[in-house]
C-alpha cells in the first residue's frame, strides 16, 4: 500500500495544483484506487466519489449505464473501461474519470482473460484506455498492480 500511497500523493498534489477533480469506477482493484487517493490528506479538494463496480448488478445500481450502451461490449475490455471512466466523470461532474476492470485471480474471468488481465482508462481532457497483463495469479498483487497502473495513467495524462 505504501507504493500506492506514494503515487496517490503525486496525483493528489497534481490535481490540487491544477484545480481538477476525479471520480473512480473500479472493479478488480477492489477499492484500492479510491483508498489510496482518499488516504492523502486534503483529498476532498480533488476526489468526488467512486464505486466498486464488481458485478453487472453494481453496474446498473451504481453507474446506471443503459443496456444499449453495452451492445457489442464486454467487461474487462478497453471500450468498457472507457465507458466506465466516462460515466464516472459525467455522473460526478469531474474533470477526470478513472476506471479499472479485469480479472485479479487466482483464475481468469468468463471471457477468456487470464488472471492478471485488466483494462484501465481515463476520461477527461484526454481519453485513453490500455490493457495490462501482469502474468501473475496472485490476487492481492494483481489488485495492487491494477490500482498502480490506473493511477500511473492519470499521472501521465496530467504531466
Protein backbone atom coordinates (compact mmCIF):
# COMPACT_ATOMS: atom_id res chain seq x y z
CA UNK A 1 0.00 0.00 0.00
CA UNK A 2 2.96 2.34 0.56
CA UNK A 3 3.78 2.37 -3.16
CA UNK A 4 0.16 3.17 -3.98
CA UNK A 5 0.18 5.96 -1.41
CA UNK A 6 3.28 7.47 -2.99
CA UNK A 7 1.51 7.54 -6.35
CA UNK A 8 -1.66 8.94 -4.77
CA UNK A 9 0.32 11.76 -3.15
CA UNK A 10 1.82 12.74 -6.52
CA UNK A 11 -1.54 12.51 -8.25
CA UNK A 12 -3.41 14.31 -5.49
CA UNK A 13 -0.94 17.19 -5.44
CA UNK A 14 -1.05 17.46 -9.22
CA UNK A 15 -4.86 17.55 -9.25
CA UNK A 16 -4.92 20.16 -6.47
CA UNK A 17 -2.34 22.30 -8.27
CA UNK A 18 -4.42 22.17 -11.44
CA UNK A 19 -7.73 22.65 -9.61
CA UNK A 20 -9.01 19.40 -11.13
CA UNK A 21 -11.21 16.64 -9.74
CA UNK A 22 -11.58 12.89 -10.21
CA UNK A 23 -14.21 10.17 -9.84
CA UNK A 24 -13.35 6.47 -9.83
CA UNK A 25 -15.11 3.35 -11.15
CA UNK A 26 -13.04 0.30 -10.29
CA UNK A 27 -13.63 -3.42 -10.33
CA UNK A 28 -10.84 -5.93 -9.76
CA UNK A 29 -8.75 -3.46 -7.78
CA UNK A 30 -11.49 -3.70 -5.15
CA UNK A 31 -11.40 -0.10 -3.99
CA UNK A 32 -7.62 0.26 -3.72
CA UNK A 33 -7.56 3.22 -6.12
CA UNK A 34 -10.10 5.12 -4.04
CA UNK A 35 -8.48 4.04 -0.77
CA UNK A 36 -5.10 5.36 -1.89
CA UNK A 37 -6.49 8.65 -3.19
CA UNK A 38 -8.50 9.15 -0.01
CA UNK A 39 -5.51 8.31 2.17
CA UNK A 40 -3.87 11.58 1.16
CA UNK A 41 -4.68 14.49 3.48
CA UNK A 42 -6.74 17.08 1.64
CA UNK A 43 -8.32 14.53 -0.73
CA UNK A 44 -11.63 16.39 -0.59
CA UNK A 45 -10.05 19.02 -2.82
CA UNK A 46 -9.92 16.59 -5.76
CA UNK A 47 -11.77 13.32 -5.01
CA UNK A 48 -15.52 13.48 -5.64
CA UNK A 49 -16.55 9.84 -5.28
CA UNK A 50 -16.44 6.41 -6.77
CA UNK A 51 -17.60 2.85 -6.64
CA UNK A 52 -16.51 -0.73 -6.90
CA UNK A 53 -18.36 -1.90 -10.00
CA UNK A 54 -17.71 -5.60 -9.46
CA UNK A 55 -20.89 -7.15 -10.88
CA UNK A 56 -23.47 -6.41 -13.57
CA UNK A 57 -25.92 -5.51 -10.79
CA UNK A 58 -23.46 -2.99 -9.37
CA UNK A 59 -23.04 -1.51 -12.85
CA UNK A 60 -26.81 -0.97 -13.04
CA UNK A 61 -27.31 0.28 -9.48
CA UNK A 62 -24.21 2.47 -9.13
CA UNK A 63 -23.48 3.62 -12.68
CA UNK A 64 -26.95 3.47 -14.29
CA UNK A 65 -25.43 2.51 -17.63
CA UNK A 66 -28.22 1.70 -20.12
CA UNK A 67 -28.16 -1.81 -21.62
CA UNK A 68 -27.94 -0.43 -25.16
CA UNK A 69 -24.67 1.30 -24.25
CA UNK A 70 -23.16 -2.17 -23.70
CA UNK A 71 -24.07 -3.60 -27.12
CA UNK A 72 -21.09 -5.50 -28.51
CA UNK A 73 -19.05 -4.72 -25.40
CA UNK A 74 -17.78 -6.97 -22.64
CA UNK A 75 -16.30 -6.13 -19.29
CA UNK A 76 -12.52 -6.35 -18.88
CA UNK A 77 -12.09 -4.62 -22.25
CA UNK A 78 -10.76 -1.20 -23.23
CA UNK A 79 -14.11 0.03 -24.60
CA UNK A 80 -15.84 -0.98 -21.34
CA UNK A 81 -13.11 0.70 -19.25
CA UNK A 82 -13.62 3.89 -21.26
CA UNK A 83 -17.39 3.66 -20.77
CA UNK A 84 -16.88 3.34 -17.01
CA UNK A 85 -14.44 6.28 -16.91
CA UNK A 86 -16.73 8.49 -19.00
CA UNK A 87 -19.77 7.57 -16.93
CA UNK A 88 -17.98 8.25 -13.63
CA UNK A 89 -16.83 11.62 -14.95
CA UNK A 90 -20.33 12.56 -16.12
CA UNK A 91 -22.18 11.32 -13.02
CA UNK A 92 -19.87 13.13 -10.60
CA UNK A 93 -19.21 16.20 -12.76
CA UNK A 94 -15.45 15.87 -12.50
CA UNK A 95 -12.52 16.84 -14.67
CA UNK A 96 -11.41 13.20 -14.85
CA UNK A 97 -12.99 9.78 -14.72
CA UNK A 98 -10.65 6.92 -13.83
CA UNK A 99 -11.58 3.26 -14.24
CA UNK A 100 -10.28 -0.29 -13.97
CA UNK A 101 -11.87 -3.60 -14.99
CA UNK A 102 -10.21 -7.00 -15.06
CA UNK A 103 -9.50 -10.39 -13.52
CA UNK A 104 -7.41 -10.32 -10.34
CA UNK A 105 -7.15 -14.09 -9.95
CA UNK A 106 -6.25 -16.67 -8.98
CA UNK A 107 -8.23 -17.71 -12.08
CA UNK A 108 -9.34 -15.75 -15.12
CA UNK A 109 -12.79 -14.46 -15.96
CA UNK A 110 -15.66 -15.83 -18.04
CA UNK A 111 -14.44 -14.01 -21.15
CA UNK A 112 -11.24 -16.00 -21.55
CA UNK A 113 -8.95 -13.44 -19.93
CA UNK A 114 -6.25 -14.88 -17.69
CA UNK A 115 -5.67 -13.78 -14.12
CA UNK A 116 -3.62 -10.62 -14.19
CA UNK A 117 -5.57 -9.08 -17.08
CA UNK A 118 -7.09 -5.64 -16.66
CA UNK A 119 -8.01 -2.59 -18.66
CA UNK A 120 -7.61 0.88 -17.22
CA UNK A 121 -8.95 4.11 -18.67
CA UNK A 122 -9.19 7.83 -18.15
CA UNK A 123 -11.81 10.19 -19.49
CA UNK A 124 -11.49 13.94 -19.40
CA UNK A 125 -9.49 16.46 -21.34
CA UNK A 126 -7.84 13.33 -22.80
CA UNK A 127 -9.50 9.92 -23.18
CA UNK A 128 -7.28 6.84 -23.18
CA UNK A 129 -7.50 3.16 -22.34
CA UNK A 130 -4.90 0.44 -22.13
CA UNK A 131 -4.64 -3.25 -21.33
CA UNK A 132 -2.33 -4.60 -18.63
CA UNK A 133 -1.22 -8.24 -18.36
CA UNK A 134 0.77 -9.00 -15.21
CA UNK A 135 1.21 -12.71 -15.96
CA UNK A 136 0.58 -13.38 -12.25
CA UNK A 137 -2.14 -15.35 -10.46
CA UNK A 138 -1.61 -13.72 -7.05
CA UNK A 139 -4.89 -11.90 -6.40
CA UNK A 140 -3.59 -9.24 -4.00
CA UNK A 141 -0.53 -8.46 -6.09
CA UNK A 142 -2.70 -8.09 -9.17
CA UNK A 143 -5.09 -5.81 -7.31
CA UNK A 144 -2.15 -3.59 -6.31
CA UNK A 145 -0.73 -3.66 -9.84
CA UNK A 146 -4.10 -2.74 -11.34
CA UNK A 147 -4.55 0.21 -8.98
CA UNK A 148 -0.99 1.38 -9.65
CA UNK A 149 -1.49 1.18 -13.42
CA UNK A 150 -4.69 3.21 -13.25
CA UNK A 151 -3.13 5.95 -11.14
CA UNK A 152 0.00 5.99 -13.30
CA UNK A 153 -2.16 6.53 -16.38
CA UNK A 154 -3.73 9.62 -14.82
CA UNK A 155 -0.38 10.86 -13.55
CA UNK A 156 0.97 10.73 -17.12
CA UNK A 157 -2.11 12.46 -18.50
CA UNK A 158 -1.74 15.34 -16.05
CA UNK A 159 2.01 15.74 -16.57
